[in-house]
């Protein structure tokens, strides 16, 4: 709206809607606090009911046991005859009366416990029904808040001719909200970095296992190094995956020089481990390359852990900062909303103006919540948690074997290298 007259006309048109919404808001304003208190009451009732259910079951078990003993004395004519024959009938009768009295006492206690449990069950059922009513009222209250927010944004968002103080308050609210969103975005970015680093750490861990397997196969092999080369290539692939995944965090680290330096360190260690693996063609080269690569990968692991720690610290600091910005957003929001209500009272007059109303719901906690944006699914996300696959090279061709056996070491190494590239890997279960 471009002029004050249009603004006032729109306010007059919406005055009745504004009043009815605020009346509804006022009538349901106690619902959130009542629901919070009622939930505690319901939890206590549920715990009490559960406790009494256990007590009642124990009493029932005791009554059953006591009744068996009472019936045994009451109905045993043989035992009564023996006691009479031995002039001990009075002792028998006293024992039977004692068991009968204890049985009826326990039965009476069970009856009282059942009544108590019935009362608790009734109270609990009523509390559940009351909670459902309160939840509906809270939902209605939240919907009314949303409708008021939508109404005020529709009328007052942007420049409001004739009401410069509203524009000032609106600017403060938008500025505070923007600052809050900036911190939220920083938190999301740091969480994404941590997820990527977890993937990279998984690749490095698997690469180390693959390289150790390669070393073991190279040491154990008498003639052929195909299994060792298979595991070397697998380790090389995992190192490449680690390099690629770590590269995805570059855009997130730009403002933080310390983290950029650690990331460069990670890259150097990963590339160093890959380069030595690429040059291993003989048994001695494999053993030496694996030892060098494992040392570099261990350093990469340590640097990745430092990078993850720094990222976590940045995230925790942002989570602390967001509490302050959330408070600023809520304070400026309440101030803006109250001023917009006062505009209705000023323009519409007391006939159509909103009733006196004080903000009932503090939204600071909501402004602290950081929603997670949908992330692109990593092609290797599942691989990170999977165990290292047992790789098996196909059985070499006997013709190739005889050729390799007849060649000198340096030529044999060349044939082995070519063979390792040409033969595809297969799983053990293929």
Protein backbone atom coordinates (compact mmCIF):
# COMPACT_ATOMS: atom_id res chain seq x y z
CA UNK A 1 0.00 0.00 0.00
CA UNK A 2 1.39 3.31 -1.11
CA UNK A 3 -0.33 5.87 1.12
CA UNK A 4 -1.68 6.34 4.62
CA UNK A 5 -5.32 6.38 3.51
CA UNK A 6 -5.03 2.93 1.95
CA UNK A 7 -3.36 1.59 5.08
CA UNK A 8 -6.11 2.92 7.33
CA UNK A 9 -8.83 1.60 5.04
CA UNK A 10 -7.26 -1.88 5.13
CA UNK A 11 -6.98 -1.71 8.93
CA UNK A 12 -10.68 -0.79 9.22
CA UNK A 13 -11.60 -3.68 6.94
CA UNK A 14 -9.66 -6.12 9.13
CA UNK A 15 -10.61 -4.66 12.52
CA UNK A 16 -13.35 -7.20 13.26
CA UNK A 17 -11.12 -10.11 12.26
CA UNK A 18 -8.32 -8.74 14.46
CA UNK A 19 -10.65 -8.36 17.45
CA UNK A 20 -12.08 -11.87 17.12
CA UNK A 21 -8.61 -13.36 16.81
CA UNK A 22 -7.35 -11.57 19.90
CA UNK A 23 -10.44 -12.60 21.86
CA UNK A 24 -9.77 -16.20 20.83
CA UNK A 25 -6.12 -15.82 21.75
CA UNK A 26 -6.99 -14.41 25.16
CA UNK A 27 -9.51 -17.17 25.91
CA UNK A 28 -6.94 -19.89 25.16
CA UNK A 29 -3.90 -18.12 26.59
CA UNK A 30 -3.69 -20.33 29.69
CA UNK A 31 -3.78 -23.58 27.71
CA UNK A 32 0.00 -23.94 27.14
CA UNK A 33 0.90 -23.54 30.82
CA UNK A 34 -2.03 -25.73 31.90
CA UNK A 35 -0.93 -28.44 29.49
CA UNK A 36 2.65 -28.33 30.80
CA UNK A 37 1.43 -28.75 34.39
CA UNK A 38 -1.09 -31.41 33.38
CA UNK A 39 1.58 -33.49 31.63
CA UNK A 40 3.54 -33.67 34.90
CA UNK A 41 0.36 -34.67 36.75
CA UNK A 42 -0.37 -37.36 34.14
CA UNK A 43 3.17 -38.72 34.39
CA UNK A 44 2.88 -38.96 38.18
CA UNK A 45 -0.50 -40.72 37.88
CA UNK A 46 0.89 -43.20 35.39
CA UNK A 47 3.84 -44.01 37.66
CA UNK A 48 1.53 -44.37 40.67
CA UNK A 49 -0.82 -46.62 38.72
CA UNK A 50 2.05 -48.81 37.57
CA UNK A 51 3.38 -49.06 41.13
CA UNK A 52 -0.03 -50.06 42.52
CA UNK A 53 -0.48 -52.62 39.75
CA UNK A 54 2.75 -54.32 40.87
CA UNK A 55 1.69 -54.17 44.52
CA UNK A 56 -1.74 -55.65 43.69
CA UNK A 57 -0.20 -58.51 41.73
CA UNK A 58 2.08 -59.35 44.66
CA UNK A 59 -0.93 -59.33 46.99
CA UNK A 60 -2.82 -61.64 44.64
CA UNK A 61 0.12 -64.03 44.58
CA UNK A 62 0.31 -63.89 48.39
CA UNK A 63 -3.43 -64.53 48.74
CA UNK A 64 -3.22 -67.56 46.44
CA UNK A 65 -0.31 -68.97 48.41
CA UNK A 66 -1.96 -68.27 51.77
CA UNK A 67 -5.25 -69.81 50.61
CA UNK A 68 -3.51 -73.06 49.67
CA UNK A 69 -2.00 -73.33 53.16
CA UNK A 70 -5.32 -72.40 54.80
CA UNK A 71 -7.23 -74.99 52.72
CA UNK A 72 -4.66 -77.66 53.49
CA UNK A 73 -5.26 -77.25 57.24
CA UNK A 74 -9.01 -76.74 56.88
CA UNK A 75 -9.73 -79.80 54.71
CA UNK A 76 -7.10 -82.26 55.99
CA UNK A 77 -9.05 -84.85 58.04
CA UNK A 78 -6.03 -87.14 58.28
CA UNK A 79 -3.86 -84.45 59.83
CA UNK A 80 -6.68 -83.51 62.25
CA UNK A 81 -7.05 -87.17 63.27
CA UNK A 82 -3.31 -87.53 63.94
CA UNK A 83 -3.25 -84.37 66.07
CA UNK A 84 -6.32 -85.66 67.99
CA UNK A 85 -4.70 -89.04 68.54
CA UNK A 86 -1.61 -87.38 69.98
CA UNK A 87 -3.60 -85.03 72.24
CA UNK A 88 -2.43 -82.00 70.17
CA UNK A 89 -5.77 -81.05 68.58
CA UNK A 90 -5.79 -77.68 70.38
CA UNK A 91 -2.44 -76.84 68.83
CA UNK A 92 -3.71 -77.90 65.41
CA UNK A 93 -6.85 -75.76 65.75
CA UNK A 94 -4.80 -72.74 66.83
CA UNK A 95 -2.52 -73.15 63.82
CA UNK A 96 -5.51 -73.52 61.46
CA UNK A 97 -7.18 -70.43 62.93
CA UNK A 98 -3.96 -68.45 62.56
CA UNK A 99 -3.64 -69.41 58.89
CA UNK A 100 -7.33 -68.59 58.30
CA UNK A 101 -6.99 -65.18 59.98
CA UNK A 102 -3.87 -64.34 57.99
CA UNK A 103 -5.59 -65.41 54.78
CA UNK A 104 -8.63 -63.19 55.37
CA UNK A 105 -6.43 -60.28 56.47
CA UNK A 106 -4.46 -60.58 53.24
CA UNK A 107 -7.68 -60.95 51.26
CA UNK A 108 -9.01 -57.77 52.84
CA UNK A 109 -5.76 -55.95 51.97
CA UNK A 110 -6.07 -57.16 48.38
CA UNK A 111 -9.63 -55.83 48.21
CA UNK A 112 -8.49 -52.40 49.43
CA UNK A 113 -5.61 -52.40 46.92
CA UNK A 114 -8.03 -53.22 44.09
CA UNK A 115 -10.23 -50.29 45.10
CA UNK A 116 -7.21 -47.97 45.22
CA UNK A 117 -6.13 -49.14 41.79
CA UNK A 118 -9.62 -48.64 40.37
CA UNK A 119 -9.62 -45.07 41.69
CA UNK A 120 -6.17 -44.45 40.22
CA UNK A 121 -7.26 -45.94 36.89
CA UNK A 122 -10.33 -43.69 36.86
CA UNK A 123 -8.22 -40.61 37.67
CA UNK A 124 -5.72 -41.58 34.98
CA UNK A 125 -8.42 -42.06 32.34
CA UNK A 126 -9.95 -38.70 33.23
CA UNK A 127 -6.51 -37.07 33.07
CA UNK A 128 -5.93 -38.55 29.60
CA UNK A 129 -9.24 -37.12 28.40
CA UNK A 130 -8.39 -33.76 29.95
CA UNK A 131 -5.00 -33.79 28.26
CA UNK A 132 -6.60 -34.40 24.87
CA UNK A 133 -8.85 -31.37 25.43
CA UNK A 134 -5.88 -29.23 26.48
CA UNK A 135 -3.84 -30.36 23.49
CA UNK A 136 -6.65 -29.34 21.14
CA UNK A 137 -6.89 -25.99 22.90
CA UNK A 138 -3.12 -25.48 22.61
CA UNK A 139 -3.29 -26.31 18.90
CA UNK A 140 -6.11 -23.79 18.48
CA UNK A 141 -4.05 -21.22 20.37
CA UNK A 142 -1.05 -21.80 18.09
CA UNK A 143 -3.22 -21.56 14.97
CA UNK A 144 -4.63 -18.25 16.23
CA UNK A 145 -1.10 -16.93 16.76
CA UNK A 146 -0.25 -17.94 13.20
CA UNK A 147 -3.35 -16.22 11.81
CA UNK A 148 -2.52 -13.00 13.68
CA UNK A 149 1.07 -13.13 12.41
CA UNK A 150 -0.19 -13.61 8.85
CA UNK A 151 -2.72 -10.77 9.20
CA UNK A 152 -0.16 -8.29 10.54
CA UNK A 153 2.43 -9.22 7.94
CA UNK A 154 -0.14 -8.79 5.19
CA UNK A 155 -1.07 -5.33 6.44
CA UNK A 156 2.18 -3.91 7.76
CA UNK A 157 5.12 -5.69 6.07
CA UNK A 158 7.36 -3.21 4.31
CA UNK A 159 7.01 0.59 4.48
CA UNK A 160 3.84 1.66 6.29
CA UNK A 161 2.99 5.28 5.30
CA UNK A 162 1.85 7.34 8.28
CA UNK A 163 3.42 5.00 10.85
CA UNK A 164 7.20 5.53 10.83
CA UNK A 165 7.62 4.09 14.33
CA UNK A 166 6.14 0.82 13.10
CA UNK A 167 8.73 0.75 10.32
CA UNK A 168 11.52 1.30 12.86
CA UNK A 169 10.34 -1.62 14.99
CA UNK A 170 9.88 -3.79 11.93
CA UNK A 171 13.43 -3.03 10.79
CA UNK A 172 14.79 -4.00 14.23
CA UNK A 173 12.84 -7.27 14.15
CA UNK A 174 14.01 -8.20 10.65
CA UNK A 175 17.60 -7.31 11.53
CA UNK A 176 17.50 -9.46 14.68
CA UNK A 177 15.90 -12.32 12.77
CA UNK A 178 18.52 -12.07 10.03
CA UNK A 179 21.32 -12.26 12.58
CA UNK A 180 19.66 -15.27 14.16
CA UNK A 181 19.33 -17.01 10.78
CA UNK A 182 22.99 -16.31 10.00
CA UNK A 183 24.04 -18.17 13.15
CA UNK A 184 21.66 -21.02 12.35
CA UNK A 185 23.21 -21.34 8.92
CA UNK A 186 26.67 -21.41 10.52
CA UNK A 187 25.53 -24.21 12.84
CA UNK A 188 24.11 -26.19 9.91
CA UNK A 189 27.37 -25.73 7.99
CA UNK A 190 29.47 -26.97 10.91
CA UNK A 191 27.25 -29.99 11.36
CA UNK A 192 27.62 -30.74 7.67
CA UNK A 193 31.40 -30.47 7.98
CA UNK A 194 31.35 -32.91 10.88
CA UNK A 195 29.28 -35.38 8.85
CA UNK A 196 31.71 -35.14 5.93
CA UNK A 197 34.70 -35.57 8.24
CA UNK A 198 33.10 -38.68 9.72
CA UNK A 199 32.83 -40.12 6.22
CA UNK A 200 36.48 -39.23 5.51
CA UNK A 201 37.61 -40.80 8.76
CA UNK A 202 35.74 -43.96 7.81
CA UNK A 203 37.50 -44.10 4.45
CA UNK A 204 40.91 -43.64 6.06
CA UNK A 205 40.21 -46.37 8.59
CA UNK A 206 39.16 -48.78 5.84
CA UNK A 207 42.14 -47.81 3.69
CA UNK A 208 44.51 -48.71 6.52
CA UNK A 209 42.86 -52.12 6.87
CA UNK A 210 43.12 -52.72 3.11
CA UNK A 211 46.79 -51.74 3.08
CA UNK A 212 47.60 -54.00 6.04
CA UNK A 213 45.88 -56.82 4.16
CA UNK A 214 48.03 -56.00 1.10
CA UNK A 215 51.17 -56.13 3.22
CA UNK A 216 50.16 -59.49 4.70
CA UNK A 217 49.36 -60.94 1.29
CA UNK A 218 52.68 -59.71 -0.11
CA UNK A 219 54.59 -61.32 2.76
CA UNK A 220 52.64 -64.60 2.59
CA UNK A 221 52.70 -64.98 -1.21
CA UNK A 222 55.42 -67.28 -2.54
CA UNK A 223 55.12 -66.63 -6.27
CA UNK A 224 52.21 -64.36 -7.11
CA UNK A 225 51.24 -60.91 -5.83
CA UNK A 226 47.76 -60.68 -7.37
CA UNK A 227 45.95 -60.67 -3.98
CA UNK A 228 48.34 -58.05 -2.66
CA UNK A 229 47.77 -55.84 -5.71
CA UNK A 230 44.00 -56.27 -5.34
CA UNK A 231 44.15 -54.96 -1.79
CA UNK A 232 46.54 -52.18 -2.76
CA UNK A 233 44.09 -50.98 -5.38
CA UNK A 234 41.27 -51.15 -2.85
CA UNK A 235 43.30 -49.10 -0.40
CA UNK A 236 44.10 -46.63 -3.16
CA UNK A 237 40.40 -46.25 -4.00
CA UNK A 238 39.56 -45.57 -0.35
CA UNK A 239 42.32 -42.97 -0.06
CA UNK A 240 40.92 -41.28 -3.19
CA UNK A 241 37.44 -41.34 -1.63
CA UNK A 242 38.85 -39.74 1.52
CA UNK A 243 40.53 -37.00 -0.55
CA UNK A 244 37.31 -36.34 -2.48
CA UNK A 245 35.07 -36.26 0.58
CA UNK A 246 37.44 -33.98 2.50
CA UNK A 247 37.51 -31.65 -0.49
CA UNK A 248 33.80 -31.01 -0.03
CA UNK A 249 34.38 -28.98 3.14
CA UNK A 250 36.52 -26.28 1.51
CA UNK A 251 33.63 -23.86 1.04
CA UNK A 252 32.64 -24.15 4.71
CA UNK A 253 36.12 -23.41 6.09
CA UNK A 254 36.99 -20.24 4.15
CA UNK A 255 36.49 -17.81 7.10
CA UNK A 256 38.55 -19.92 9.54
CA UNK A 257 42.26 -19.83 8.74
CA UNK A 258 43.21 -22.28 11.50
CA UNK A 259 40.81 -24.89 10.13
CA UNK A 260 41.94 -24.25 6.55
CA UNK A 261 45.54 -24.94 7.63
CA UNK A 262 44.57 -28.26 9.22
CA UNK A 263 42.58 -29.20 6.11
CA UNK A 264 45.65 -28.52 3.94
CA UNK A 265 47.64 -30.75 6.29
CA UNK A 266 45.05 -33.54 5.88
CA UNK A 267 45.23 -33.25 2.08
CA UNK A 268 49.02 -33.45 2.07
CA UNK A 269 49.06 -36.63 4.17
CA UNK A 270 46.35 -38.31 2.09
CA UNK A 271 48.05 -37.44 -1.20
CA UNK A 272 51.40 -38.61 0.15
CA UNK A 273 49.93 -41.98 1.10
CA UNK A 274 48.32 -42.32 -2.34
CA UNK A 275 51.49 -41.44 -4.25
CA UNK A 276 53.60 -44.13 -2.56
CA UNK A 277 50.94 -46.79 -3.16
CA UNK A 278 50.84 -45.84 -6.85
CA UNK A 279 54.54 -46.73 -7.22
CA UNK A 280 54.49 -50.22 -5.64
CA UNK A 281 55.15 -52.99 -8.22
CA UNK A 282 57.30 -55.59 -6.45
CA UNK A 283 57.08 -57.38 -3.13
CA UNK A 284 59.71 -55.14 -1.54
CA UNK A 285 58.05 -52.03 -2.97
CA UNK A 286 54.66 -53.12 -1.65
CA UNK A 287 55.97 -53.66 1.89
CA UNK A 288 57.82 -50.33 1.88
CA UNK A 289 54.92 -48.44 0.29
CA UNK A 290 52.41 -49.84 2.78
CA UNK A 291 54.61 -48.86 5.73
CA UNK A 292 55.01 -45.32 4.37
CA UNK A 293 51.32 -45.00 3.47
CA UNK A 294 50.18 -46.25 6.89
CA UNK A 295 52.38 -43.66 8.58
CA UNK A 296 50.89 -40.89 6.42
CA UNK A 297 47.35 -42.17 6.98
CA UNK A 298 47.88 -42.18 10.75
CA UNK A 299 48.95 -38.54 10.54
CA UNK A 300 45.91 -37.83 8.36
CA UNK A 301 43.67 -39.49 10.95
CA UNK A 302 45.13 -37.32 13.70
CA UNK A 303 44.67 -34.17 11.60
CA UNK A 304 41.08 -35.16 10.73
CA UNK A 305 40.38 -35.61 14.44
CA UNK A 306 41.80 -32.15 15.18
CA UNK A 307 39.67 -30.69 12.41
CA UNK A 308 36.57 -32.41 13.78
CA UNK A 309 37.36 -31.08 17.27
CA UNK A 310 37.77 -27.52 15.97
CA UNK A 311 34.47 -27.83 14.06
CA UNK A 312 32.70 -29.08 17.18
CA UNK A 313 34.07 -26.16 19.19
CA UNK A 314 32.83 -23.69 16.55
CA UNK A 315 29.41 -25.32 16.62
CA UNK A 316 29.19 -25.18 20.42
CA UNK A 317 30.15 -21.49 20.39
CA UNK A 318 27.45 -20.79 17.81
CA UNK A 319 24.89 -22.68 19.91
CA UNK A 320 25.74 -20.40 22.82
CA UNK A 321 25.52 -17.28 20.64
CA UNK A 322 22.14 -18.25 19.21
CA UNK A 323 20.55 -17.98 22.65
CA UNK A 324 21.33 -14.26 22.71
CA UNK A 325 20.10 -13.63 19.16
CA UNK A 326 16.94 -15.65 19.84
CA UNK A 327 16.20 -13.44 22.83
CA UNK A 328 16.70 -10.34 20.69
CA UNK A 329 14.39 -11.70 17.99
CA UNK A 330 11.64 -12.47 20.49
CA UNK A 331 11.92 -9.11 22.27
CA UNK A 332 11.76 -7.20 18.97
CA UNK A 333 8.90 -9.41 17.75
CA UNK A 334 6.81 -8.76 20.84
CA UNK A 335 7.52 -5.02 20.64
CA UNK A 336 6.49 -4.96 16.98
CA UNK A 337 3.33 -6.96 17.58
CA UNK A 338 2.22 -4.76 20.47
CA UNK A 339 2.76 -1.64 18.38
CA UNK A 340 0.75 -3.10 15.49
CA UNK A 341 -2.08 -3.83 17.90
CA UNK A 342 -1.97 -0.25 19.09
CA UNK A 343 -2.34 0.91 15.47
CA UNK A 344 -5.60 -1.03 15.25
CA UNK A 345 -6.85 0.65 18.43
CA UNK A 346 -5.85 4.07 17.13
CA UNK A 347 -7.34 3.68 13.65
CA UNK A 348 -10.41 1.54 14.30
CA UNK A 349 -11.52 3.27 17.51
CA UNK A 350 -12.84 1.54 20.55
CA UNK A 351 -15.89 0.18 18.77
CA UNK A 352 -13.86 -2.21 16.61
CA UNK A 353 -10.54 -2.15 18.45
CA UNK A 354 -8.88 -5.20 19.90
CA UNK A 355 -9.28 -5.95 23.60
CA UNK A 356 -6.40 -5.29 25.96
CA UNK A 357 -4.03 -8.21 25.57
CA UNK A 358 -0.54 -9.09 26.75
CA UNK A 359 1.76 -11.49 24.89
CA UNK A 360 1.27 -14.95 26.39
CA UNK A 361 3.77 -17.13 24.55
CA UNK A 362 7.50 -16.54 24.58
CA UNK A 363 9.00 -17.93 21.36
CA UNK A 364 12.67 -17.66 22.32
CA UNK A 365 13.13 -21.42 22.49
CA UNK A 366 11.69 -21.79 18.99
CA UNK A 367 14.19 -19.27 17.62
CA UNK A 368 16.98 -21.42 19.09
CA UNK A 369 15.90 -24.48 17.11
CA UNK A 370 18.07 -25.29 14.10
CA UNK A 371 16.26 -27.27 11.44
CA UNK A 372 18.36 -29.66 9.41
CA UNK A 373 18.21 -29.05 5.69
CA UNK A 374 17.95 -32.03 3.38
CA UNK A 375 21.43 -33.12 2.41
CA UNK A 376 22.48 -34.76 -0.81
CA UNK A 377 22.97 -38.43 -0.22
CA UNK A 378 26.59 -39.48 -0.39
CA UNK A 379 27.31 -42.35 -2.74
CA UNK A 380 29.67 -43.77 -0.15
CA UNK A 381 27.68 -43.12 3.03
CA UNK A 382 26.79 -46.78 3.53
CA UNK A 383 30.33 -47.90 2.67
CA UNK A 384 31.66 -45.88 5.60
CA UNK A 385 29.96 -48.20 8.11
CA UNK A 386 30.47 -51.42 6.17
CA UNK A 387 33.30 -53.84 6.99
CA UNK A 388 36.18 -54.19 4.57
CA UNK A 389 35.21 -56.60 1.80
CA UNK A 390 37.42 -59.64 1.33
CA UNK A 391 38.79 -59.17 -2.18
CA UNK A 392 39.92 -62.16 -4.14
CA UNK A 393 41.84 -62.02 -7.39
CA UNK A 394 40.89 -64.57 -10.08
CA UNK A 395 43.10 -67.63 -10.43
CA UNK A 396 45.99 -66.60 -12.73
CA UNK A 397 46.31 -68.18 -16.15
CA UNK A 398 48.93 -70.98 -16.08
CA UNK A 399 50.41 -69.61 -19.30
CA UNK A 400 50.96 -66.26 -17.67
CA UNK A 401 52.45 -67.98 -14.62
CA UNK A 402 55.04 -69.80 -16.66
CA UNK A 403 55.91 -66.59 -18.50
CA UNK A 404 56.35 -64.72 -15.23
CA UNK A 405 58.51 -67.48 -13.75
CA UNK A 406 60.90 -67.29 -16.69
CA UNK A 407 61.30 -63.50 -16.61
CA UNK A 408 63.90 -61.55 -14.61
CA UNK A 409 62.62 -59.63 -11.59
CA UNK A 410 62.32 -56.22 -13.28
CA UNK A 411 60.39 -57.65 -16.27
CA UNK A 412 58.28 -59.85 -14.00
CA UNK A 413 57.35 -56.71 -12.04
CA UNK A 414 56.16 -55.07 -15.25
CA UNK A 415 53.99 -58.08 -16.18
CA UNK A 416 52.59 -58.20 -12.64
CA UNK A 417 51.72 -54.53 -12.81
CA UNK A 418 49.93 -54.98 -16.15
CA UNK A 419 48.13 -58.06 -14.87
CA UNK A 420 46.91 -56.27 -11.77
CA UNK A 421 45.39 -53.53 -13.90
CA UNK A 422 43.79 -55.84 -16.46
CA UNK A 423 42.26 -58.43 -14.12
CA UNK A 424 39.00 -57.23 -12.59
CA UNK A 425 38.34 -57.82 -8.91
CA UNK A 426 35.61 -60.10 -7.72
CA UNK A 427 34.10 -60.74 -4.32
CA UNK A 428 34.70 -63.95 -2.44
CA UNK A 429 31.05 -64.96 -2.78
CA UNK A 430 30.93 -64.40 -6.59
